[in-house]
Every structure is written in C-alpha cells, then in structure tokens.
Amino acid sequence: MPRMKKSFLIALLALAAGGGLLTSGCVVRERTVYRPVPATVGTEIIVTEAPPAPLVETITVAPGPGYVWIGGCWVWRNHWVWARGHWAYPPRPGAVWVAHRYEYRNGVGVFIRGGWRY
C-alpha cells in the first residue's frame, strides 16, 4: 500500500475515534409535551349489548419514570372492540387516568368513555 494512502487512512481513523470520544459525553435534555384532552372524554353512549369478558394482558416494564399503565378494555365503536393496554405519559402534571366503563341503568346499557381527569 502506498505510504500516503496508509497515512491518510490512519489519520481518518484517528479523526473518527476522536470524534466519537468528543460526542460521547453530550448531555441530552428531555422535553415534555402536553397534549390537549379529547372532547369525547366522559361521553355516554347507549349500547345494544354488554361487553365480553375482559382479556388477560401482561403488563410490561414502563418505558420510563412517570408513565402510567392504562389497562386494556372493551370500547364501543358500533360493536365491542378490544383496546390493548399500554403505557402513557400524563398530558399534564396531576392528571389521573379514569378507565372506560360500562353501566346498566334502567334496562339500558351505557358505555362511558374514560380519559385523563384533572
């Protein structure tokens, strides 16, 4: 290998290694983004049938501090659809997750949307 080409490759490798060392100590700042709550939270929907039995889910490890587990449940979308459980970050400090629920009132089934409450 010609001497000039070899010294160029060595310099290039040294530069790449040095650049990696310089950037390895960088500080990353996290940014919290708060999203507005959808207008449908708390909405009551008359349903034609009771939901099926809940499915069993495995709760995984939280992706980071401050995340809340939102368990899976049956959601009414003109028929019952299973919404899988997941981790979510509250939209703002002090927010509490209230689960969707089904109630039977005076012979009528009602699905009540849950959501973040303040």
C-alpha atoms as a PDB file:
ATOM      1  CA  MET A   1       0.000   0.000   0.000  1.00  0.00           C
ATOM      2  CA  PRO A   2       1.443   3.413  -0.879  1.00  0.00           C
ATOM      3  CA  ARG A   3       2.727   5.374   2.123  1.00  0.00           C
ATOM      4  CA  MET A   4       0.486   8.414   1.513  1.00  0.00           C
ATOM      5  CA  LYS A   5      -2.666   6.303   1.287  1.00  0.00           C
ATOM      6  CA  LYS A   6      -1.747   4.442   4.503  1.00  0.00           C
ATOM      7  CA  SER A   7      -1.114   7.661   6.462  1.00  0.00           C
ATOM      8  CA  PHE A   8      -4.385   9.112   5.150  1.00  0.00           C
ATOM      9  CA  LEU A   9      -6.310   6.052   6.416  1.00  0.00           C
ATOM     10  CA  ILE A  10      -4.613   6.269   9.823  1.00  0.00           C
ATOM     11  CA  ALA A  11      -5.481   9.971  10.091  1.00  0.00           C
ATOM     12  CA  LEU A  12      -9.068   9.252   9.085  1.00  0.00           C
ATOM     13  CA  LEU A  13      -9.417   6.504  11.717  1.00  0.00           C
ATOM     14  CA  ALA A  14      -7.888   8.761  14.389  1.00  0.00           C
ATOM     15  CA  LEU A  15     -10.333  11.536  13.478  1.00  0.00           C
ATOM     16  CA  ALA A  16     -13.311   9.152  13.648  1.00  0.00           C
ATOM     17  CA  ALA A  17     -12.198   7.789  17.037  1.00  0.00           C
ATOM     18  CA  GLY A  18     -11.565  11.271  18.405  1.00  0.00           C
ATOM     19  CA  GLY A  19     -14.947  12.483  17.193  1.00  0.00           C
ATOM     20  CA  GLY A  20     -16.624   9.575  18.937  1.00  0.00           C
ATOM     21  CA  LEU A  21     -14.860  10.448  22.191  1.00  0.00           C
ATOM     22  CA  LEU A  22     -15.809  14.097  21.912  1.00  0.00           C
ATOM     23  CA  THR A  23     -19.515  13.385  21.366  1.00  0.00           C
ATOM     24  CA  SER A  24     -19.845  10.570  23.910  1.00  0.00           C
ATOM     25  CA  GLY A  25     -20.172  12.995  26.831  1.00  0.00           C
ATOM     26  CA  CYS A  26     -23.008  15.058  25.352  1.00  0.00           C
ATOM     27  CA  VAL A  27     -25.898  15.953  27.633  1.00  0.00           C
ATOM     28  CA  VAL A  28     -29.393  15.288  26.290  1.00  0.00           C
ATOM     29  CA  ARG A  29     -32.308  17.277  27.707  1.00  0.00           C
ATOM     30  CA  GLU A  30     -35.726  15.667  27.718  1.00  0.00           C
ATOM     31  CA  ARG A  31     -38.711  17.696  26.643  1.00  0.00           C
ATOM     32  CA  THR A  32     -42.201  17.039  27.973  1.00  0.00           C
ATOM     33  CA  VAL A  33     -45.022  17.663  25.513  1.00  0.00           C
ATOM     34  CA  TYR A  34     -48.523  18.049  26.929  1.00  0.00           C
ATOM     35  CA  ARG A  35     -51.407  17.237  24.612  1.00  0.00           C
ATOM     36  CA  PRO A  36     -54.978  18.520  24.956  1.00  0.00           C
ATOM     37  CA  VAL A  37     -57.613  16.101  26.230  1.00  0.00           C
ATOM     38  CA  PRO A  38     -60.087  14.981  23.541  1.00  0.00           C
ATOM     39  CA  ALA A  39     -63.607  16.363  23.864  1.00  0.00           C
ATOM     40  CA  THR A  40     -65.107  12.843  23.944  1.00  0.00           C
ATOM     41  CA  VAL A  41     -63.870  12.082  27.498  1.00  0.00           C
ATOM     42  CA  GLY A  42     -66.863  11.348  29.734  1.00  0.00           C
ATOM     43  CA  THR A  43     -69.234  10.905  26.790  1.00  0.00           C
ATOM     44  CA  GLU A  44     -72.002   8.367  27.404  1.00  0.00           C
ATOM     45  CA  ILE A  45     -73.072   6.117  24.551  1.00  0.00           C
ATOM     46  CA  ILE A  46     -76.148   3.869  24.574  1.00  0.00           C
ATOM     47  CA  VAL A  47     -75.051   0.351  23.569  1.00  0.00           C
ATOM     48  CA  THR A  48     -77.066  -2.640  22.401  1.00  0.00           C
ATOM     49  CA  GLU A  49     -75.208  -5.339  24.344  1.00  0.00           C
ATOM     50  CA  ALA A  50     -72.939  -5.846  27.340  1.00  0.00           C
ATOM     51  CA  PRO A  51     -69.195  -6.083  26.656  1.00  0.00           C
ATOM     52  CA  PRO A  52     -67.488  -9.507  26.522  1.00  0.00           C
ATOM     53  CA  ALA A  53     -65.338 -10.675  29.424  1.00  0.00           C
ATOM     54  CA  PRO A  54     -62.055  -8.737  29.672  1.00  0.00           C
ATOM     55  CA  LEU A  55     -58.978 -10.272  28.048  1.00  0.00           C
ATOM     56  CA  VAL A  56     -55.924 -11.077  30.171  1.00  0.00           C
ATOM     57  CA  GLU A  57     -52.931  -8.874  29.424  1.00  0.00           C
ATOM     58  CA  THR A  58     -49.332  -8.854  30.587  1.00  0.00           C
ATOM     59  CA  ILE A  59     -48.147  -5.548  31.984  1.00  0.00           C
ATOM     60  CA  THR A  60     -44.719  -4.799  30.576  1.00  0.00           C
ATOM     61  CA  VAL A  61     -41.960  -2.687  32.112  1.00  0.00           C
ATOM     62  CA  ALA A  62     -42.622   1.056  31.976  1.00  0.00           C
ATOM     63  CA  PRO A  63     -40.660   2.865  29.269  1.00  0.00           C
ATOM     64  CA  GLY A  64     -39.534   5.484  31.776  1.00  0.00           C
ATOM     65  CA  PRO A  65     -40.345   7.290  35.014  1.00  0.00           C
ATOM     66  CA  GLY A  66     -43.740   8.968  35.271  1.00  0.00           C
ATOM     67  CA  TYR A  67     -45.534   6.650  32.833  1.00  0.00           C
ATOM     68  CA  VAL A  68     -48.951   5.230  33.780  1.00  0.00           C
ATOM     69  CA  TRP A  69     -50.276   1.813  32.755  1.00  0.00           C
ATOM     70  CA  ILE A  70     -53.640   2.083  31.013  1.00  0.00           C
ATOM     71  CA  GLY A  71     -55.207  -1.355  31.084  1.00  0.00           C
ATOM     72  CA  GLY A  72     -56.882  -2.845  28.054  1.00  0.00           C
ATOM     73  CA  CYS A  73     -60.673  -2.793  27.850  1.00  0.00           C
ATOM     74  CA  TRP A  74     -63.613  -3.229  25.517  1.00  0.00           C
ATOM     75  CA  VAL A  75     -64.534   0.022  23.721  1.00  0.00           C
ATOM     76  CA  TRP A  76     -67.800   0.615  21.858  1.00  0.00           C
ATOM     77  CA  ARG A  77     -67.403   1.509  18.146  1.00  0.00           C
ATOM     78  CA  ASN A  78     -70.799   0.360  16.887  1.00  0.00           C
ATOM     79  CA  HIS A  79     -69.661  -3.011  18.273  1.00  0.00           C
ATOM     80  CA  TRP A  80     -67.225  -4.008  21.010  1.00  0.00           C
ATOM     81  CA  VAL A  81     -63.538  -3.682  20.080  1.00  0.00           C
ATOM     82  CA  TRP A  82     -60.651  -4.592  22.383  1.00  0.00           C
ATOM     83  CA  ALA A  83     -58.292  -1.649  23.038  1.00  0.00           C
ATOM     84  CA  ARG A  84     -54.963  -3.116  24.180  1.00  0.00           C
ATOM     85  CA  GLY A  85     -53.314  -1.893  27.365  1.00  0.00           C
ATOM     86  CA  HIS A  86     -50.369   0.450  27.011  1.00  0.00           C
ATOM     87  CA  TRP A  87     -48.081   2.833  28.853  1.00  0.00           C
ATOM     88  CA  ALA A  88     -48.860   6.546  28.532  1.00  0.00           C
ATOM     89  CA  TYR A  89     -47.349   9.718  29.896  1.00  0.00           C
ATOM     90  CA  PRO A  90     -49.909  12.010  31.564  1.00  0.00           C
ATOM     91  CA  PRO A  91     -50.801  15.051  29.419  1.00  0.00           C
ATOM     92  CA  ARG A  92     -50.016  17.415  32.320  1.00  0.00           C
ATOM     93  CA  PRO A  93     -48.907  17.260  35.955  1.00  0.00           C
ATOM     94  CA  GLY A  94     -51.615  15.993  38.324  1.00  0.00           C
ATOM     95  CA  ALA A  95     -53.601  14.211  35.595  1.00  0.00           C
ATOM     96  CA  VAL A  96     -55.180  10.872  36.602  1.00  0.00           C
ATOM     97  CA  TRP A  97     -56.355   8.175  34.193  1.00  0.00           C
ATOM     98  CA  VAL A  98     -60.001   7.139  34.652  1.00  0.00           C
ATOM     99  CA  ALA A  99     -60.818   3.905  32.817  1.00  0.00           C
ATOM    100  CA  HIS A 100     -63.635   3.484  30.287  1.00  0.00           C
ATOM    101  CA  ARG A 101     -66.583   1.694  31.861  1.00  0.00           C
ATOM    102  CA  TYR A 102     -69.911   0.070  31.132  1.00  0.00           C
ATOM    103  CA  GLU A 103     -73.031   0.581  33.244  1.00  0.00           C
ATOM    104  CA  TYR A 104     -76.509  -0.887  33.059  1.00  0.00           C
ATOM    105  CA  ARG A 105     -79.153   1.710  34.009  1.00  0.00           C
ATOM    106  CA  ASN A 106     -82.908   1.180  33.986  1.00  0.00           C
ATOM    107  CA  GLY A 107     -82.697  -1.575  31.371  1.00  0.00           C
ATOM    108  CA  VAL A 108     -80.275   0.339  29.121  1.00  0.00           C
ATOM    109  CA  GLY A 109     -76.563  -0.360  28.594  1.00  0.00           C
ATOM    110  CA  VAL A 110     -74.301   2.690  28.674  1.00  0.00           C
ATOM    111  CA  PHE A 111     -70.635   2.893  27.671  1.00  0.00           C
ATOM    112  CA  ILE A 112     -68.849   5.807  29.365  1.00  0.00           C
ATOM    113  CA  ARG A 113     -65.576   6.965  27.838  1.00  0.00           C
ATOM    114  CA  GLY A 114     -62.691   7.333  30.236  1.00  0.00           C
ATOM    115  CA  GLY A 115     -59.699   9.586  29.906  1.00  0.00           C
ATOM    116  CA  TRP A 116     -57.373  11.919  31.746  1.00  0.00           C
ATOM    117  CA  ARG A 117     -59.003  13.903  34.567  1.00  0.00           C
ATOM    118  CA  TYR A 118     -57.572  16.880  36.427  1.00  0.00           C
END
